[in-house]
Amino acid sequence: MNTDITASTKPEYPVVDRNPAFTKVVGNFSALDYMRLSTISAVSVTVGYLSGIKPGIRGPSMVTGGLIGVMGGFMYAYQNSAGRLMGFFPNDAEVARYKHKL
């Protein structure tokens, strides 16, 4: 069984780093990534609060929703940042920033 993802899909954009480290991916978060993370977190906190009104557990439900939102938002931002570095998403800013390393 072939588990190499690069064998099944080829990047459509210039590759900045084929296998970026965690710190490089997080350091590459754009303002849009942070906005998405914040939005997903805020919506999840709100949904958690509203879903806890009827059973009377607003606080714990809100915290749980917030934790799920933060984790989901971080994973979404991480996926977008890593995708840009690996050339799977449009990455003009990354190519300009790392052009001396290409």
PDB file of N, CA and C in Angstrom:
ATOM      1  N   MET A   1       0.847  -1.182   0.000  1.00  0.00           N
ATOM      2  CA  MET A   1       0.000   0.000   0.000  1.00  0.00           C
ATOM      3  C   MET A   1       0.886   1.237   0.000  1.00  0.00           C
ATOM      4  N   ASN A   2       0.652   2.128  -0.936  1.00  0.00           N
ATOM      5  CA  ASN A   2       1.437   3.348  -1.058  1.00  0.00           C
ATOM      6  C   ASN A   2       0.832   4.436  -0.175  1.00  0.00           C
ATOM      7  N   THR A   3       1.575   4.889   0.822  1.00  0.00           N
ATOM      8  CA  THR A   3       1.076   5.925   1.733  1.00  0.00           C
ATOM      9  C   THR A   3       1.699   7.288   1.463  1.00  0.00           C
ATOM     10  N   ASP A   4       2.472   7.415   0.414  1.00  0.00           N
ATOM     11  CA  ASP A   4       3.109   8.676   0.071  1.00  0.00           C
ATOM     12  C   ASP A   4       2.112   9.571  -0.647  1.00  0.00           C
ATOM     13  N   ILE A   5       1.672  10.637   0.010  1.00  0.00           N
ATOM     14  CA  ILE A   5       0.658  11.518  -0.575  1.00  0.00           C
ATOM     15  C   ILE A   5       1.180  12.235  -1.805  1.00  0.00           C
ATOM     16  N   THR A   6       2.475  12.474  -1.871  1.00  0.00           N
ATOM     17  CA  THR A   6       3.019  13.184  -3.027  1.00  0.00           C
ATOM     18  C   THR A   6       2.966  12.332  -4.283  1.00  0.00           C
ATOM     19  N   ALA A   7       2.822  11.024  -4.127  1.00  0.00           N
ATOM     20  CA  ALA A   7       2.747  10.158  -5.295  1.00  0.00           C
ATOM     21  C   ALA A   7       1.383  10.253  -5.974  1.00  0.00           C
ATOM     22  N   SER A   8       0.339  10.615  -5.233  1.00  0.00           N
ATOM     23  CA  SER A   8      -1.001  10.648  -5.807  1.00  0.00           C
ATOM     24  C   SER A   8      -1.404  12.025  -6.320  1.00  0.00           C
ATOM     25  N   THR A   9      -0.854  13.086  -5.769  1.00  0.00           N
ATOM     26  CA  THR A   9      -1.224  14.438  -6.164  1.00  0.00           C
ATOM     27  C   THR A   9       0.034  15.277  -6.353  1.00  0.00           C
ATOM     28  N   LYS A  10       0.121  15.919  -7.474  1.00  0.00           N
ATOM     29  CA  LYS A  10       1.267  16.783  -7.748  1.00  0.00           C
ATOM     30  C   LYS A  10       0.885  18.236  -7.493  1.00  0.00           C
ATOM     31  N   PRO A  11       1.797  19.028  -6.922  1.00  0.00           N
ATOM     32  CA  PRO A  11       1.499  20.442  -6.654  1.00  0.00           C
ATOM     33  C   PRO A  11       1.266  21.226  -7.940  1.00  0.00           C
ATOM     34  N   GLU A  12       0.319  22.155  -7.875  1.00  0.00           N
ATOM     35  CA  GLU A  12       0.012  23.000  -9.028  1.00  0.00           C
ATOM     36  C   GLU A  12       0.788  24.313  -9.004  1.00  0.00           C
ATOM     37  N   TYR A  13       1.361  24.657  -7.861  1.00  0.00           N
ATOM     38  CA  TYR A  13       2.057  25.931  -7.678  1.00  0.00           C
ATOM     39  C   TYR A  13       3.502  25.645  -7.285  1.00  0.00           C
ATOM     40  N   PRO A  14       4.371  26.663  -7.301  1.00  0.00           N
ATOM     41  CA  PRO A  14       5.774  26.437  -6.927  1.00  0.00           C
ATOM     42  C   PRO A  14       5.889  25.881  -5.492  1.00  0.00           C
ATOM     43  N   VAL A  15       6.751  24.901  -5.326  1.00  0.00           N
ATOM     44  CA  VAL A  15       6.956  24.286  -4.015  1.00  0.00           C
ATOM     45  C   VAL A  15       8.005  25.090  -3.260  1.00  0.00           C
ATOM     46  N   VAL A  16       7.629  25.584  -2.071  1.00  0.00           N
ATOM     47  CA  VAL A  16       8.557  26.315  -1.218  1.00  0.00           C
ATOM     48  C   VAL A  16       9.287  25.331  -0.317  1.00  0.00           C
ATOM     49  N   ASP A  17       8.542  24.392   0.268  1.00  0.00           N
ATOM     50  CA  ASP A  17       9.117  23.374   1.152  1.00  0.00           C
ATOM     51  C   ASP A  17       8.260  22.121   1.021  1.00  0.00           C
ATOM     52  N   ARG A  18       8.849  21.058   0.535  1.00  0.00           N
ATOM     53  CA  ARG A  18       8.089  19.829   0.290  1.00  0.00           C
ATOM     54  C   ARG A  18       7.609  19.175   1.573  1.00  0.00           C
ATOM     55  N   ASN A  19       8.384  19.295   2.642  1.00  0.00           N
ATOM     56  CA  ASN A  19       8.046  18.683   3.921  1.00  0.00           C
ATOM     57  C   ASN A  19       8.327  19.690   5.041  1.00  0.00           C
ATOM     58  N   PRO A  20       7.457  20.713   5.199  1.00  0.00           N
ATOM     59  CA  PRO A  20       7.745  21.768   6.174  1.00  0.00           C
ATOM     60  C   PRO A  20       7.595  21.296   7.618  1.00  0.00           C
ATOM     61  N   ALA A  21       8.445  21.827   8.479  1.00  0.00           N
ATOM     62  CA  ALA A  21       8.378  21.516   9.904  1.00  0.00           C
ATOM     63  C   ALA A  21       7.188  22.246  10.533  1.00  0.00           C
ATOM     64  N   PHE A  22       6.748  21.752  11.687  1.00  0.00           N
ATOM     65  CA  PHE A  22       5.608  22.338  12.407  1.00  0.00           C
ATOM     66  C   PHE A  22       5.825  23.828  12.645  1.00  0.00           C
ATOM     67  N   THR A  23       7.013  24.200  13.121  1.00  0.00           N
ATOM     68  CA  THR A  23       7.275  25.601  13.445  1.00  0.00           C
ATOM     69  C   THR A  23       7.253  26.481  12.193  1.00  0.00           C
ATOM     70  N   LYS A  24       7.702  25.948  11.067  1.00  0.00           N
ATOM     71  CA  LYS A  24       7.678  26.724   9.832  1.00  0.00           C
ATOM     72  C   LYS A  24       6.243  26.929   9.348  1.00  0.00           C
ATOM     73  N   VAL A  25       5.415  25.908   9.479  1.00  0.00           N
ATOM     74  CA  VAL A  25       4.021  26.023   9.050  1.00  0.00           C
ATOM     75  C   VAL A  25       3.281  27.034   9.925  1.00  0.00           C
ATOM     76  N   VAL A  26       3.465  26.948  11.241  1.00  0.00           N
ATOM     77  CA  VAL A  26       2.789  27.888  12.145  1.00  0.00           C
ATOM     78  C   VAL A  26       3.332  29.302  11.940  1.00  0.00           C
ATOM     79  N   GLY A  27       4.613  29.430  11.716  1.00  0.00           N
ATOM     80  CA  GLY A  27       5.198  30.737  11.455  1.00  0.00           C
ATOM     81  C   GLY A  27       4.748  31.337  10.133  1.00  0.00           C
ATOM     82  N   ASN A  28       4.226  30.520   9.250  1.00  0.00           N
ATOM     83  CA  ASN A  28       3.764  30.961   7.942  1.00  0.00           C
ATOM     84  C   ASN A  28       2.272  31.337   7.944  1.00  0.00           C
ATOM     85  N   PHE A  29       1.599  31.265   9.090  1.00  0.00           N
ATOM     86  CA  PHE A  29       0.183  31.640   9.160  1.00  0.00           C
ATOM     87  C   PHE A  29       0.022  33.070   8.657  1.00  0.00           C
ATOM     88  N   SER A  30      -0.965  33.291   7.801  1.00  0.00           N
ATOM     89  CA  SER A  30      -1.253  34.632   7.301  1.00  0.00           C
ATOM     90  C   SER A  30      -2.343  35.276   8.156  1.00  0.00           C
ATOM     91  N   ALA A  31      -2.606  36.541   7.896  1.00  0.00           N
ATOM     92  CA  ALA A  31      -3.681  37.233   8.615  1.00  0.00           C
ATOM     93  C   ALA A  31      -5.015  36.548   8.352  1.00  0.00           C
ATOM     94  N   LEU A  32      -5.215  36.044   7.143  1.00  0.00           N
ATOM     95  CA  LEU A  32      -6.446  35.332   6.820  1.00  0.00           C
ATOM     96  C   LEU A  32      -6.559  34.037   7.625  1.00  0.00           C
ATOM     97  N   ASP A  33      -5.435  33.343   7.828  1.00  0.00           N
ATOM     98  CA  ASP A  33      -5.447  32.126   8.650  1.00  0.00           C
ATOM     99  C   ASP A  33      -5.861  32.443  10.080  1.00  0.00           C
ATOM    100  N   TYR A  34      -5.301  33.518  10.636  1.00  0.00           N
ATOM    101  CA  TYR A  34      -5.667  33.903  12.001  1.00  0.00           C
ATOM    102  C   TYR A  34      -7.126  34.350  12.083  1.00  0.00           C
ATOM    103  N   MET A  35      -7.606  35.012  11.035  1.00  0.00           N
ATOM    104  CA  MET A  35      -9.004  35.432  11.027  1.00  0.00           C
ATOM    105  C   MET A  35      -9.927  34.219  10.983  1.00  0.00           C
ATOM    106  N   ARG A  36      -9.584  33.244  10.170  1.00  0.00           N
ATOM    107  CA  ARG A  36     -10.397  32.018  10.101  1.00  0.00           C
ATOM    108  C   ARG A  36     -10.388  31.282  11.426  1.00  0.00           C
ATOM    109  N   LEU A  37      -9.220  31.177  12.040  1.00  0.00           N
ATOM    110  CA  LEU A  37      -9.111  30.518  13.342  1.00  0.00           C
ATOM    111  C   LEU A  37      -9.993  31.226  14.367  1.00  0.00           C
ATOM    112  N   SER A  38      -9.932  32.544  14.401  1.00  0.00           N
ATOM    113  CA  SER A  38     -10.736  33.322  15.350  1.00  0.00           C
ATOM    114  C   SER A  38     -12.222  33.184  15.071  1.00  0.00           C
ATOM    115  N   THR A  39     -12.602  33.212  13.813  1.00  0.00           N
ATOM    116  CA  THR A  39     -14.010  33.105  13.452  1.00  0.00           C
ATOM    117  C   THR A  39     -14.586  31.743  13.819  1.00  0.00           C
ATOM    118  N   ILE A  40     -13.865  30.695  13.487  1.00  0.00           N
ATOM    119  CA  ILE A  40     -14.326  29.343  13.825  1.00  0.00           C
ATOM    120  C   ILE A  40     -14.436  29.187  15.333  1.00  0.00           C
ATOM    121  N   SER A  41     -13.472  29.724  16.070  1.00  0.00           N
ATOM    122  CA  SER A  41     -13.506  29.646  17.534  1.00  0.00           C
ATOM    123  C   SER A  41     -14.703  30.406  18.099  1.00  0.00           C
ATOM    124  N   ALA A  42     -14.933  31.618  17.606  1.00  0.00           N
ATOM    125  CA  ALA A  42     -16.042  32.432  18.110  1.00  0.00           C
ATOM    126  C   ALA A  42     -17.393  31.787  17.816  1.00  0.00           C
ATOM    127  N   VAL A  43     -17.551  31.251  16.622  1.00  0.00           N
ATOM    128  CA  VAL A  43     -18.808  30.581  16.277  1.00  0.00           C
ATOM    129  C   VAL A  43     -19.013  29.351  17.159  1.00  0.00           C
ATOM    130  N   SER A  44     -17.956  28.611  17.417  1.00  0.00           N
ATOM    131  CA  SER A  44     -18.066  27.409  18.241  1.00  0.00           C
ATOM    132  C   SER A  44     -18.418  27.742  19.689  1.00  0.00           C
ATOM    133  N   VAL A  45     -17.853  28.817  20.224  1.00  0.00           N
ATOM    134  CA  VAL A  45     -18.202  29.234  21.585  1.00  0.00           C
ATOM    135  C   VAL A  45     -19.683  29.602  21.646  1.00  0.00           C
ATOM    136  N   THR A  46     -20.152  30.334  20.638  1.00  0.00           N
ATOM    137  CA  THR A  46     -21.551  30.739  20.593  1.00  0.00           C
ATOM    138  C   THR A  46     -22.482  29.534  20.475  1.00  0.00           C
ATOM    139  N   VAL A  47     -22.146  28.619  19.591  1.00  0.00           N
ATOM    140  CA  VAL A  47     -22.964  27.416  19.425  1.00  0.00           C
ATOM    141  C   VAL A  47     -22.946  26.596  20.719  1.00  0.00           C
ATOM    142  N   GLY A  48     -21.788  26.489  21.358  1.00  0.00           N
ATOM    143  CA  GLY A  48     -21.714  25.772  22.630  1.00  0.00           C
ATOM    144  C   GLY A  48     -22.592  26.401  23.695  1.00  0.00           C
ATOM    145  N   TYR A  49     -22.568  27.709  23.775  1.00  0.00           N
ATOM    146  CA  TYR A  49     -23.396  28.425  24.760  1.00  0.00           C
ATOM    147  C   TYR A  49     -24.877  28.181  24.482  1.00  0.00           C
ATOM    148  N   LEU A  50     -25.271  28.368  23.220  1.00  0.00           N
ATOM    149  CA  LEU A  50     -26.681  28.217  22.873  1.00  0.00           C
ATOM    150  C   LEU A  50     -27.177  26.785  23.038  1.00  0.00           C
ATOM    151  N   SER A  51     -26.314  25.813  22.775  1.00  0.00           N
ATOM    152  CA  SER A  51     -26.742  24.418  22.922  1.00  0.00           C
ATOM    153  C   SER A  51     -26.828  23.995  24.384  1.00  0.00           C
ATOM    154  N   GLY A  52     -26.244  24.758  25.285  1.00  0.00           N
ATOM    155  CA  GLY A  52     -26.300  24.411  26.700  1.00  0.00           C
ATOM    156  C   GLY A  52     -27.384  25.124  27.474  1.00  0.00           C
ATOM    157  N   ILE A  53     -28.175  25.962  26.823  1.00  0.00           N
ATOM    158  CA  ILE A  53     -29.214  26.728  27.522  1.00  0.00           C
ATOM    159  C   ILE A  53     -30.303  25.814  28.075  1.00  0.00           C
ATOM    160  N   LYS A  54     -30.855  24.946  27.250  1.00  0.00           N
ATOM    161  CA  LYS A  54     -31.981  24.112  27.674  1.00  0.00           C
ATOM    162  C   LYS A  54     -31.622  23.162  28.821  1.00  0.00           C
ATOM    163  N   PRO A  55     -30.515  22.423  28.732  1.00  0.00           N
ATOM    164  CA  PRO A  55     -30.212  21.548  29.879  1.00  0.00           C
ATOM    165  C   PRO A  55     -29.603  22.293  31.074  1.00  0.00           C
ATOM    166  N   GLY A  56     -29.327  23.583  30.921  1.00  0.00           N
ATOM    167  CA  GLY A  56     -28.782  24.360  32.035  1.00  0.00           C
ATOM    168  C   GLY A  56     -27.298  24.157  32.278  1.00  0.00           C
ATOM    169  N   ILE A  57     -26.558  23.866  31.239  1.00  0.00           N
ATOM    170  CA  ILE A  57     -25.100  23.688  31.379  1.00  0.00           C
ATOM    171  C   ILE A  57     -24.384  24.616  30.397  1.00  0.00           C
ATOM    172  N   ARG A  58     -24.766  25.877  30.416  1.00  0.00           N
ATOM    173  CA  ARG A  58     -24.202  26.837  29.449  1.00  0.00           C
ATOM    174  C   ARG A  58     -22.687  26.945  29.561  1.00  0.00           C
ATOM    175  N   GLY A  59     -22.170  27.066  30.769  1.00  0.00           N
ATOM    176  CA  GLY A  59     -20.726  27.257  30.961  1.00  0.00           C
ATOM    177  C   GLY A  59     -19.901  26.105  30.420  1.00  0.00           C
ATOM    178  N   PRO A  60     -20.121  24.878  30.927  1.00  0.00           N
ATOM    179  CA  PRO A  60     -19.330  23.754  30.414  1.00  0.00           C
ATOM    180  C   PRO A  60     -19.518  23.517  28.919  1.00  0.00           C
ATOM    181  N   SER A  61     -20.740  23.725  28.445  1.00  0.00           N
ATOM    182  CA  SER A  61     -21.005  23.538  27.022  1.00  0.00           C
ATOM    183  C   SER A  61     -20.260  24.579  26.188  1.00  0.00           C
ATOM    184  N   MET A  62     -20.214  25.813  26.691  1.00  0.00           N
ATOM    185  CA  MET A  62     -19.513  26.882  25.984  1.00  0.00           C
ATOM    186  C   MET A  62     -18.006  26.609  25.948  1.00  0.00           C
ATOM    187  N   VAL A  63     -17.438  26.161  27.058  1.00  0.00           N
ATOM    188  CA  VAL A  63     -16.004  25.854  27.102  1.00  0.00           C
ATOM    189  C   VAL A  63     -15.677  24.702  26.157  1.00  0.00           C
ATOM    190  N   THR A  64     -16.500  23.677  26.165  1.00  0.00           N
ATOM    191  CA  THR A  64     -16.277  22.537  25.270  1.00  0.00           C
ATOM    192  C   THR A  64     -16.366  22.964  23.810  1.00  0.00           C
ATOM    193  N   GLY A  65     -17.385  23.746  23.490  1.00  0.00           N
ATOM    194  CA  GLY A  65     -17.504  24.257  22.122  1.00  0.00           C
ATOM    195  C   GLY A  65     -16.320  25.109  21.737  1.00  0.00           C
ATOM    196  N   GLY A  66     -15.847  25.930  22.671  1.00  0.00           N
ATOM    197  CA  GLY A  66     -14.686  26.773  22.402  1.00  0.00           C
ATOM    198  C   GLY A  66     -13.426  25.963  22.149  1.00  0.00           C
ATOM    199  N   LEU A  67     -13.206  24.932  22.940  1.00  0.00           N
ATOM    200  CA  LEU A  67     -12.024  24.073  22.744  1.00  0.00           C
ATOM    201  C   LEU A  67     -12.078  23.364  21.389  1.00  0.00           C
ATOM    202  N   ILE A  68     -13.262  22.865  21.059  1.00  0.00           N
ATOM    203  CA  ILE A  68     -13.417  22.209  19.756  1.00  0.00           C
ATOM    204  C   ILE A  68     -13.177  23.219  18.632  1.00  0.00           C
ATOM    205  N   GLY A  69     -13.678  24.433  18.791  1.00  0.00           N
ATOM    206  CA  GLY A  69     -13.488  25.467  17.771  1.00  0.00           C
ATOM    207  C   GLY A  69     -12.040  25.886  17.607  1.00  0.00           C
ATOM    208  N   VAL A  70     -11.336  26.034  18.728  1.00  0.00           N
ATOM    209  CA  VAL A  70      -9.917  26.412  18.656  1.00  0.00           C
ATOM    210  C   VAL A  70      -9.115  25.319  17.959  1.00  0.00           C
ATOM    211  N   MET A  71      -9.378  24.067  18.331  1.00  0.00           N
ATOM    212  CA  MET A  71      -8.642  22.965  17.686  1.00  0.00           C
ATOM    213  C   MET A  71      -8.983  22.869  16.202  1.00  0.00           C
ATOM    214  N   GLY A  72     -10.263  22.972  15.871  1.00  0.00           N
ATOM    215  CA  GLY A  72     -10.671  22.909  14.469  1.00  0.00           C
ATOM    216  C   GLY A  72     -10.133  24.084  13.664  1.00  0.00           C
ATOM    217  N   GLY A  73     -10.196  25.278  14.241  1.00  0.00           N
ATOM    218  CA  GLY A  73      -9.675  26.462  13.558  1.00  0.00           C
ATOM    219  C   GLY A  73      -8.174  26.376  13.340  1.00  0.00           C
ATOM    220  N   PHE A  74      -7.459  25.869  14.352  1.00  0.00           N
ATOM    221  CA  PHE A  74      -6.011  25.718  14.208  1.00  0.00           C
ATOM    222  C   PHE A  74      -5.687  24.705  13.113  1.00  0.00           C
ATOM    223  N   MET A  75      -6.411  23.590  13.095  1.00  0.00           N
ATOM    224  CA  MET A  75      -6.138  22.572  12.073  1.00  0.00           C
ATOM    225  C   MET A  75      -6.430  23.102  10.669  1.00  0.00           C
ATOM    226  N   TYR A  76      -7.491  23.903  10.536  1.00  0.00           N
ATOM    227  CA  TYR A  76      -7.826  24.485   9.237  1.00  0.00           C
ATOM    228  C   TYR A  76      -6.751  25.485   8.791  1.00  0.00           C
ATOM    229  N   ALA A  77      -6.304  26.331   9.707  1.00  0.00           N
ATOM    230  CA  ALA A  77      -5.253  27.289   9.388  1.00  0.00           C
ATOM    231  C   ALA A  77      -3.943  26.567   9.061  1.00  0.00           C
ATOM    232  N   TYR A  78      -3.639  25.520   9.818  1.00  0.00           N
ATOM    233  CA  TYR A  78      -2.421  24.738   9.587  1.00  0.00           C
ATOM    234  C   TYR A  78      -2.468  24.089   8.199  1.00  0.00           C
ATOM    235  N   GLN A  79      -3.614  23.521   7.852  1.00  0.00           N
ATOM    236  CA  GLN A  79      -3.773  22.876   6.545  1.00  0.00           C
ATOM    237  C   GLN A  79      -3.549  23.878   5.413  1.00  0.00           C
ATOM    238  N   ASN A  80      -4.111  25.067   5.539  1.00  0.00           N
ATOM    239  CA  ASN A  80      -3.939  26.082   4.498  1.00  0.00           C
ATOM    240  C   ASN A  80      -2.495  26.560   4.405  1.00  0.00           C
ATOM    241  N   SER A  81      -1.856  26.780   5.553  1.00  0.00           N
ATOM    242  CA  SER A  81      -0.473  27.241   5.565  1.00  0.00           C
ATOM    243  C   SER A  81       0.462  26.182   4.975  1.00  0.00           C
ATOM    244  N   ALA A  82       0.295  24.947   5.396  1.00  0.00           N
ATOM    245  CA  ALA A  82       1.130  23.858   4.877  1.00  0.00           C
ATOM    246  C   ALA A  82       0.881  23.653   3.382  1.00  0.00           C
ATOM    247  N   GLY A  83      -0.370  23.763   2.974  1.00  0.00           N
ATOM    248  CA  GLY A  83      -0.701  23.613   1.551  1.00  0.00           C
ATOM    249  C   GLY A  83      -0.037  24.668   0.694  1.00  0.00           C
ATOM    250  N   ARG A  84       0.037  25.893   1.206  1.00  0.00           N
ATOM    251  CA  ARG A  84       0.724  26.944   0.448  1.00  0.00           C
ATOM    252  C   ARG A  84       2.222  26.654   0.370  1.00  0.00           C
ATOM    253  N   LEU A  85       2.826  26.223   1.453  1.00  0.00           N
ATOM    254  CA  LEU A  85       4.263  25.924   1.435  1.00  0.00           C
ATOM    255  C   LEU A  85       4.588  24.751   0.515  1.00  0.00           C
ATOM    256  N   MET A  86       3.695  23.764   0.464  1.00  0.00           N
ATOM    257  CA  MET A  86       3.945  22.578  -0.351  1.00  0.00           C
ATOM    258  C   MET A  86       3.478  22.740  -1.792  1.00  0.00           C
ATOM    259  N   GLY A  87       2.882  23.900  -2.132  1.00  0.00           N
ATOM    260  CA  GLY A  87       2.508  24.174  -3.504  1.00  0.00           C
ATOM    261  C   GLY A  87       1.137  23.672  -3.913  1.00  0.00           C
ATOM    262  N   PHE A  88       0.293  23.302  -2.973  1.00  0.00           N
ATOM    263  CA  PHE A  88      -1.037  22.815  -3.311  1.00  0.00           C
ATOM    264  C   PHE A  88      -2.080  23.920  -3.361  1.00  0.00           C
ATOM    265  N   PHE A  89      -1.786  25.081  -2.785  1.00  0.00           N
ATOM    266  CA  PHE A  89      -2.688  26.241  -2.798  1.00  0.00           C
ATOM    267  C   PHE A  89      -1.914  27.426  -3.363  1.00  0.00           C
ATOM    268  N   PRO A  90      -2.614  28.440  -3.870  1.00  0.00           N
ATOM    269  CA  PRO A  90      -1.909  29.627  -4.385  1.00  0.00           C
ATOM    270  C   PRO A  90      -0.962  30.207  -3.333  1.00  0.00           C
ATOM    271  N   ASN A  91       0.280  30.482  -3.732  1.00  0.00           N
ATOM    272  CA  ASN A  91       1.301  30.845  -2.749  1.00  0.00           C
ATOM    273  C   ASN A  91       2.250  31.943  -3.222  1.00  0.00           C
ATOM    274  N   ASP A  92       1.703  32.962  -3.849  1.00  0.00           N
ATOM    275  CA  ASP A  92       2.552  34.047  -4.350  1.00  0.00           C
ATOM    276  C   ASP A  92       3.343  34.718  -3.227  1.00  0.00           C
ATOM    277  N   ALA A  93       2.717  34.959  -2.090  1.00  0.00           N
ATOM    278  CA  ALA A  93       3.411  35.617  -0.973  1.00  0.00           C
ATOM    279  C   ALA A  93       4.546  34.748  -0.435  1.00  0.00           C
ATOM    280  N   GLU A  94       4.306  33.451  -0.336  1.00  0.00           N
ATOM    281  CA  GLU A  94       5.348  32.550   0.181  1.00  0.00           C
ATOM    282  C   GLU A  94       6.516  32.440  -0.791  1.00  0.00           C
ATOM    283  N   VAL A  95       6.221  32.384  -2.073  1.00  0.00           N
ATOM    284  CA  VAL A  95       7.295  32.317  -3.074  1.00  0.00           C
ATOM    285  C   VAL A  95       8.145  33.578  -3.006  1.00  0.00           C
ATOM    286  N   ALA A  96       7.506  34.726  -2.866  1.00  0.00           N
ATOM    287  CA  ALA A  96       8.263  35.987  -2.766  1.00  0.00           C
ATOM    288  C   ALA A  96       9.090  36.028  -1.485  1.00  0.00           C
ATOM    289  N   ARG A  97       8.535  35.526  -0.386  1.00  0.00           N
ATOM    290  CA  ARG A  97       9.240  35.573   0.885  1.00  0.00           C
ATOM    291  C   ARG A  97      10.423  34.610   0.925  1.00  0.00           C
ATOM    292  N   TYR A  98      10.271  33.432   0.332  1.00  0.00           N
ATOM    293  CA  TYR A  98      11.308  32.407   0.408  1.00  0.00           C
ATOM    294  C   TYR A  98      12.044  32.216  -0.911  1.00  0.00           C
ATOM    295  N   LYS A  99      11.991  33.196  -1.824  1.00  0.00           N
ATOM    296  CA  LYS A  99      12.562  32.999  -3.162  1.00  0.00           C
ATOM    297  C   LYS A  99      14.066  32.748  -3.128  1.00  0.00           C
ATOM    298  N   HIS A 100      14.780  33.266  -2.139  1.00  0.00           N
ATOM    299  CA  HIS A 100      16.224  33.028  -2.067  1.00  0.00           C
ATOM    300  C   HIS A 100      16.544  31.588  -1.644  1.00  0.00           C
ATOM    301  N   LYS A 101      15.559  30.867  -1.106  1.00  0.00           N
ATOM    302  CA  LYS A 101      15.777  29.489  -0.680  1.00  0.00           C
ATOM    303  C   LYS A 101      15.303  28.480  -1.725  1.00  0.00           C
ATOM    304  N   LEU A 102      14.593  28.955  -2.758  1.00  0.00           N
ATOM    305  CA  LEU A 102      14.099  28.039  -3.786  1.00  0.00           C
ATOM    306  C   LEU A 102      15.209  27.625  -4.653  1.00  0.00           C
TER     307      LEU A 102
END
